Amino acid sequence: MKKITKLTVILAALLITVGFMASPLKAYAAATGETAVEAAQDPTSAKAWSAAIAIGAAAAAGALAMGLVIAKTVDGIARQPEAEGKIRTAMMLGLVFVETVVIYALIVAILIVFVL
């Protein structure tokens, strides 16, 4: 895929996501009798959005990293089948570290919602 095509896909996904995020905010504002701007300025809403963005970004980055690690591991095992045990052990250790970062992001998101 060319860089321009990738950029177009990313921008389209971003616009669709922003469009979907605006709909619940309008529904919440209509239910509470506030305007959408007043609902967006609510501290609880800001906490929810920041937690959602934190865990979403961490999960997306973690998924990409895990996919790359597994792809490279399969490639390495295909090139050197005799080193399968060492490659698999290193892969598992790397996946544990990637997953740990995602769990830390989840903990931070929970702290944002309940402590701040």
N, C-alpha and C. Protein backbone atom coordinates (compact mmCIF):
# COMPACT_ATOMS: atom_id res chain seq x y z
N MET A 1 0.84 -1.17 0.00
CA MET A 1 0.00 0.00 0.00
C MET A 1 0.89 1.24 0.00
N LYS A 2 0.54 2.20 -0.82
CA LYS A 2 1.33 3.42 -0.88
C LYS A 2 1.08 4.28 0.36
N LYS A 3 2.01 5.20 0.62
CA LYS A 3 1.86 6.07 1.79
C LYS A 3 0.62 6.95 1.69
N ILE A 4 0.30 7.41 0.51
CA ILE A 4 -0.88 8.26 0.35
C ILE A 4 -2.14 7.46 0.65
N THR A 5 -2.18 6.23 0.21
CA THR A 5 -3.34 5.39 0.47
C THR A 5 -3.48 5.09 1.96
N LYS A 6 -2.37 4.80 2.62
CA LYS A 6 -2.42 4.55 4.06
C LYS A 6 -2.90 5.78 4.81
N LEU A 7 -2.41 6.94 4.42
CA LEU A 7 -2.82 8.18 5.06
C LEU A 7 -4.31 8.43 4.85
N THR A 8 -4.80 8.16 3.66
CA THR A 8 -6.21 8.33 3.38
C THR A 8 -7.06 7.40 4.24
N VAL A 9 -6.64 6.16 4.39
CA VAL A 9 -7.38 5.21 5.21
C VAL A 9 -7.37 5.64 6.67
N ILE A 10 -6.24 6.11 7.16
CA ILE A 10 -6.15 6.56 8.55
C ILE A 10 -7.05 7.77 8.79
N LEU A 11 -7.03 8.73 7.88
CA LEU A 11 -7.87 9.91 8.03
C LEU A 11 -9.36 9.55 7.96
N ALA A 12 -9.72 8.64 7.07
CA ALA A 12 -11.12 8.21 6.98
C ALA A 12 -11.56 7.52 8.26
N ALA A 13 -10.71 6.66 8.81
CA ALA A 13 -11.04 5.99 10.07
C ALA A 13 -11.18 6.99 11.20
N LEU A 14 -10.33 7.98 11.22
CA LEU A 14 -10.41 9.02 12.25
C LEU A 14 -11.70 9.81 12.15
N LEU A 15 -12.09 10.18 10.95
CA LEU A 15 -13.33 10.93 10.76
C LEU A 15 -14.55 10.10 11.14
N ILE A 16 -14.54 8.83 10.79
CA ILE A 16 -15.66 7.95 11.15
C ILE A 16 -15.74 7.81 12.67
N THR A 17 -14.59 7.66 13.32
CA THR A 17 -14.57 7.53 14.78
C THR A 17 -15.10 8.78 15.45
N VAL A 18 -14.68 9.93 14.98
CA VAL A 18 -15.16 11.19 15.56
C VAL A 18 -16.66 11.33 15.33
N GLY A 19 -17.14 10.91 14.19
CA GLY A 19 -18.58 10.95 13.92
C GLY A 19 -19.37 10.07 14.87
N PHE A 20 -18.85 8.88 15.17
CA PHE A 20 -19.53 7.98 16.10
C PHE A 20 -19.46 8.51 17.53
N MET A 21 -18.39 9.22 17.87
CA MET A 21 -18.26 9.74 19.23
C MET A 21 -19.23 10.90 19.46
N ALA A 22 -19.56 11.64 18.45
CA ALA A 22 -20.44 12.79 18.63
C ALA A 22 -21.88 12.36 18.89
N SER A 23 -22.30 11.24 18.36
CA SER A 23 -23.68 10.80 18.52
C SER A 23 -24.06 10.50 19.97
N PRO A 24 -23.27 9.73 20.74
CA PRO A 24 -23.64 9.51 22.14
C PRO A 24 -23.60 10.80 22.96
N LEU A 25 -22.71 11.70 22.63
CA LEU A 25 -22.63 12.96 23.35
C LEU A 25 -23.90 13.78 23.14
N LYS A 26 -24.41 13.80 21.91
CA LYS A 26 -25.65 14.51 21.64
C LYS A 26 -26.83 13.85 22.36
N ALA A 27 -26.86 12.52 22.39
CA ALA A 27 -27.94 11.82 23.07
C ALA A 27 -27.89 12.09 24.57
N TYR A 28 -26.70 12.09 25.15
CA TYR A 28 -26.55 12.39 26.58
C TYR A 28 -27.00 13.81 26.88
N ALA A 29 -26.60 14.75 26.01
CA ALA A 29 -26.98 16.15 26.22
C ALA A 29 -28.49 16.31 26.11
N ALA A 30 -29.11 15.62 25.18
CA ALA A 30 -30.57 15.73 25.03
C ALA A 30 -31.29 15.13 26.24
N ALA A 31 -30.75 14.05 26.79
CA ALA A 31 -31.39 13.41 27.94
C ALA A 31 -31.27 14.25 29.20
N THR A 32 -30.18 14.98 29.34
CA THR A 32 -29.97 15.78 30.55
C THR A 32 -30.44 17.21 30.40
N GLY A 33 -30.85 17.61 29.21
CA GLY A 33 -31.32 18.97 29.00
C GLY A 33 -30.19 19.97 28.81
N GLU A 34 -28.98 19.49 28.60
CA GLU A 34 -27.83 20.38 28.38
C GLU A 34 -27.56 20.50 26.89
N THR A 35 -26.72 21.46 26.54
CA THR A 35 -26.24 21.52 25.17
C THR A 35 -25.08 20.55 25.04
N ALA A 36 -24.70 20.23 23.82
CA ALA A 36 -23.59 19.30 23.59
C ALA A 36 -22.29 19.87 24.12
N VAL A 37 -22.13 21.19 24.06
CA VAL A 37 -20.90 21.82 24.56
C VAL A 37 -20.82 21.69 26.08
N GLU A 38 -21.95 21.91 26.78
CA GLU A 38 -21.95 21.76 28.24
C GLU A 38 -21.68 20.33 28.65
N ALA A 39 -22.25 19.38 27.90
CA ALA A 39 -22.01 17.96 28.21
C ALA A 39 -20.55 17.59 27.98
N ALA A 40 -19.94 18.18 26.96
CA ALA A 40 -18.53 17.87 26.66
C ALA A 40 -17.60 18.45 27.71
N GLN A 41 -18.02 19.50 28.40
CA GLN A 41 -17.18 20.13 29.41
C GLN A 41 -17.34 19.51 30.78
N ASP A 42 -18.17 18.52 30.91
CA ASP A 42 -18.38 17.82 32.18
C ASP A 42 -17.09 17.10 32.57
N PRO A 43 -16.61 17.25 33.81
CA PRO A 43 -15.36 16.57 34.22
C PRO A 43 -15.44 15.05 34.12
N THR A 44 -16.61 14.49 34.39
CA THR A 44 -16.77 13.04 34.28
C THR A 44 -16.60 12.60 32.83
N SER A 45 -17.14 13.37 31.93
CA SER A 45 -17.00 13.05 30.51
C SER A 45 -15.54 13.13 30.07
N ALA A 46 -14.83 14.12 30.57
CA ALA A 46 -13.41 14.26 30.22
C ALA A 46 -12.60 13.08 30.74
N LYS A 47 -12.92 12.63 31.95
CA LYS A 47 -12.22 11.46 32.50
C LYS A 47 -12.49 10.22 31.66
N ALA A 48 -13.74 10.03 31.28
CA ALA A 48 -14.09 8.86 30.49
C ALA A 48 -13.39 8.88 29.14
N TRP A 49 -13.37 10.05 28.50
CA TRP A 49 -12.70 10.15 27.20
C TRP A 49 -11.20 9.90 27.32
N SER A 50 -10.57 10.49 28.34
CA SER A 50 -9.13 10.31 28.48
C SER A 50 -8.78 8.86 28.78
N ALA A 51 -9.59 8.19 29.61
CA ALA A 51 -9.34 6.78 29.90
C ALA A 51 -9.54 5.94 28.65
N ALA A 52 -10.59 6.24 27.88
CA ALA A 52 -10.85 5.48 26.66
C ALA A 52 -9.74 5.66 25.63
N ILE A 53 -9.24 6.85 25.50
CA ILE A 53 -8.16 7.11 24.55
C ILE A 53 -6.88 6.41 25.00
N ALA A 54 -6.60 6.44 26.31
CA ALA A 54 -5.38 5.80 26.82
C ALA A 54 -5.40 4.30 26.58
N ILE A 55 -6.49 3.65 26.96
CA ILE A 55 -6.53 2.20 26.79
C ILE A 55 -6.67 1.81 25.32
N GLY A 56 -7.36 2.63 24.54
CA GLY A 56 -7.49 2.34 23.12
C GLY A 56 -6.16 2.42 22.38
N ALA A 57 -5.40 3.46 22.68
CA ALA A 57 -4.09 3.61 22.04
C ALA A 57 -3.13 2.50 22.47
N ALA A 58 -3.15 2.16 23.75
CA ALA A 58 -2.27 1.10 24.23
C ALA A 58 -2.65 -0.25 23.64
N ALA A 59 -3.94 -0.52 23.56
CA ALA A 59 -4.38 -1.80 23.00
C ALA A 59 -4.05 -1.89 21.51
N ALA A 60 -4.24 -0.81 20.79
CA ALA A 60 -3.92 -0.82 19.36
C ALA A 60 -2.42 -0.99 19.12
N ALA A 61 -1.62 -0.26 19.89
CA ALA A 61 -0.16 -0.39 19.74
C ALA A 61 0.30 -1.78 20.16
N GLY A 62 -0.29 -2.31 21.23
CA GLY A 62 0.07 -3.65 21.69
C GLY A 62 -0.29 -4.71 20.66
N ALA A 63 -1.46 -4.57 20.05
CA ALA A 63 -1.88 -5.54 19.03
C ALA A 63 -0.95 -5.51 17.82
N LEU A 64 -0.57 -4.31 17.40
CA LEU A 64 0.37 -4.20 16.28
C LEU A 64 1.73 -4.80 16.64
N ALA A 65 2.20 -4.51 17.84
CA ALA A 65 3.49 -5.04 18.26
C ALA A 65 3.46 -6.57 18.34
N MET A 66 2.39 -7.11 18.89
CA MET A 66 2.29 -8.57 18.99
C MET A 66 2.22 -9.21 17.62
N GLY A 67 1.50 -8.59 16.71
CA GLY A 67 1.43 -9.12 15.35
C GLY A 67 2.79 -9.13 14.68
N LEU A 68 3.55 -8.06 14.86
CA LEU A 68 4.89 -8.01 14.27
C LEU A 68 5.83 -9.04 14.90
N VAL A 69 5.74 -9.19 16.22
CA VAL A 69 6.59 -10.17 16.91
C VAL A 69 6.30 -11.58 16.42
N ILE A 70 5.04 -11.91 16.32
CA ILE A 70 4.67 -13.26 15.88
C ILE A 70 5.07 -13.49 14.43
N ALA A 71 4.89 -12.49 13.59
CA ALA A 71 5.27 -12.62 12.18
C ALA A 71 6.77 -12.85 12.04
N LYS A 72 7.55 -12.08 12.78
CA LYS A 72 9.01 -12.24 12.71
C LYS A 72 9.45 -13.58 13.31
N THR A 73 8.74 -14.04 14.33
CA THR A 73 9.08 -15.33 14.93
C THR A 73 8.84 -16.46 13.95
N VAL A 74 7.70 -16.43 13.29
CA VAL A 74 7.40 -17.48 12.31
C VAL A 74 8.41 -17.44 11.18
N ASP A 75 8.79 -16.24 10.76
CA ASP A 75 9.80 -16.10 9.71
C ASP A 75 11.14 -16.67 10.18
N GLY A 76 11.52 -16.37 11.42
CA GLY A 76 12.79 -16.88 11.95
C GLY A 76 12.79 -18.39 12.09
N ILE A 77 11.67 -18.96 12.53
CA ILE A 77 11.59 -20.42 12.66
C ILE A 77 11.61 -21.08 11.29
N ALA A 78 11.00 -20.44 10.30
CA ALA A 78 11.03 -20.99 8.94
C ALA A 78 12.44 -20.98 8.36
N ARG A 79 13.23 -19.99 8.73
CA ARG A 79 14.60 -19.91 8.21
C ARG A 79 15.55 -20.85 8.96
N GLN A 80 15.35 -20.98 10.28
CA GLN A 80 16.22 -21.84 11.08
C GLN A 80 15.37 -22.73 11.99
N PRO A 81 14.87 -23.82 11.45
CA PRO A 81 14.01 -24.69 12.26
C PRO A 81 14.73 -25.29 13.47
N GLU A 82 16.04 -25.42 13.40
CA GLU A 82 16.79 -26.01 14.52
C GLU A 82 16.84 -25.08 15.73
N ALA A 83 16.60 -23.80 15.55
CA ALA A 83 16.63 -22.83 16.65
C ALA A 83 15.22 -22.49 17.14
N GLU A 84 14.27 -23.37 16.89
CA GLU A 84 12.87 -23.09 17.22
C GLU A 84 12.67 -22.83 18.71
N GLY A 85 13.29 -23.62 19.56
CA GLY A 85 13.10 -23.46 21.01
C GLY A 85 13.57 -22.11 21.52
N LYS A 86 14.75 -21.69 21.09
CA LYS A 86 15.29 -20.41 21.53
C LYS A 86 14.45 -19.24 20.99
N ILE A 87 14.03 -19.36 19.73
CA ILE A 87 13.24 -18.29 19.12
C ILE A 87 11.89 -18.18 19.82
N ARG A 88 11.27 -19.32 20.08
CA ARG A 88 9.96 -19.30 20.74
C ARG A 88 10.05 -18.73 22.16
N THR A 89 11.11 -19.08 22.88
CA THR A 89 11.29 -18.55 24.23
C THR A 89 11.45 -17.03 24.21
N ALA A 90 12.25 -16.53 23.29
CA ALA A 90 12.43 -15.08 23.17
C ALA A 90 11.12 -14.40 22.76
N MET A 91 10.35 -15.06 21.89
CA MET A 91 9.07 -14.49 21.48
C MET A 91 8.12 -14.37 22.67
N MET A 92 8.03 -15.42 23.47
CA MET A 92 7.13 -15.39 24.62
C MET A 92 7.53 -14.30 25.60
N LEU A 93 8.81 -14.13 25.83
CA LEU A 93 9.28 -13.08 26.72
C LEU A 93 8.91 -11.70 26.17
N GLY A 94 9.08 -11.51 24.89
CA GLY A 94 8.71 -10.24 24.26
C GLY A 94 7.21 -9.98 24.33
N LEU A 95 6.40 -11.01 24.11
CA LEU A 95 4.95 -10.85 24.19
C LEU A 95 4.51 -10.50 25.61
N VAL A 96 5.19 -11.07 26.60
CA VAL A 96 4.86 -10.75 27.99
C VAL A 96 5.12 -9.27 28.26
N PHE A 97 6.23 -8.76 27.78
CA PHE A 97 6.54 -7.34 28.00
C PHE A 97 5.54 -6.43 27.30
N VAL A 98 5.14 -6.79 26.09
CA VAL A 98 4.16 -5.98 25.36
C VAL A 98 2.83 -5.99 26.10
N GLU A 99 2.39 -7.15 26.55
CA GLU A 99 1.12 -7.26 27.26
C GLU A 99 1.17 -6.52 28.59
N THR A 100 2.33 -6.49 29.22
CA THR A 100 2.48 -5.76 30.48
C THR A 100 2.23 -4.27 30.27
N VAL A 101 2.70 -3.73 29.17
CA VAL A 101 2.47 -2.31 28.90
C VAL A 101 0.98 -2.03 28.72
N VAL A 102 0.27 -2.93 28.07
CA VAL A 102 -1.17 -2.75 27.89
C VAL A 102 -1.89 -2.83 29.24
N ILE A 103 -1.47 -3.73 30.10
CA ILE A 103 -2.08 -3.84 31.43
C ILE A 103 -1.79 -2.58 32.25
N TYR A 104 -0.59 -2.03 32.14
CA TYR A 104 -0.29 -0.78 32.83
C TYR A 104 -1.21 0.33 32.33
N ALA A 105 -1.46 0.38 31.04
CA ALA A 105 -2.37 1.41 30.50
C ALA A 105 -3.78 1.21 31.05
N LEU A 106 -4.21 -0.03 31.20
CA LEU A 106 -5.52 -0.29 31.78
C LEU A 106 -5.58 0.20 33.22
N ILE A 107 -4.52 -0.04 33.98
CA ILE A 107 -4.48 0.42 35.37
C ILE A 107 -4.52 1.95 35.42
N VAL A 108 -3.79 2.61 34.54
CA VAL A 108 -3.80 4.07 34.50
C VAL A 108 -5.20 4.57 34.13
N ALA A 109 -5.86 3.91 33.19
CA ALA A 109 -7.21 4.32 32.81
C ALA A 109 -8.18 4.17 33.98
N ILE A 110 -8.05 3.08 34.73
CA ILE A 110 -8.90 2.88 35.91
C ILE A 110 -8.62 3.96 36.95
N LEU A 111 -7.35 4.30 37.14
CA LEU A 111 -7.01 5.36 38.09
C LEU A 111 -7.57 6.70 37.65
N ILE A 112 -7.54 6.98 36.37
CA ILE A 112 -8.09 8.24 35.87
C ILE A 112 -9.57 8.33 36.18
N VAL A 113 -10.28 7.25 35.96
CA VAL A 113 -11.73 7.27 36.16
C VAL A 113 -12.11 7.35 37.63
N PHE A 114 -11.45 6.56 38.48
CA PHE A 114 -11.91 6.44 39.86
C PHE A 114 -11.17 7.31 40.87
N VAL A 115 -9.95 7.73 40.58
CA VAL A 115 -9.17 8.47 41.57
C VAL A 115 -9.14 9.96 41.29
N LEU A 116 -8.95 10.35 40.07
CA LEU A 116 -8.84 11.78 39.76
C LEU A 116 -10.17 12.48 39.79
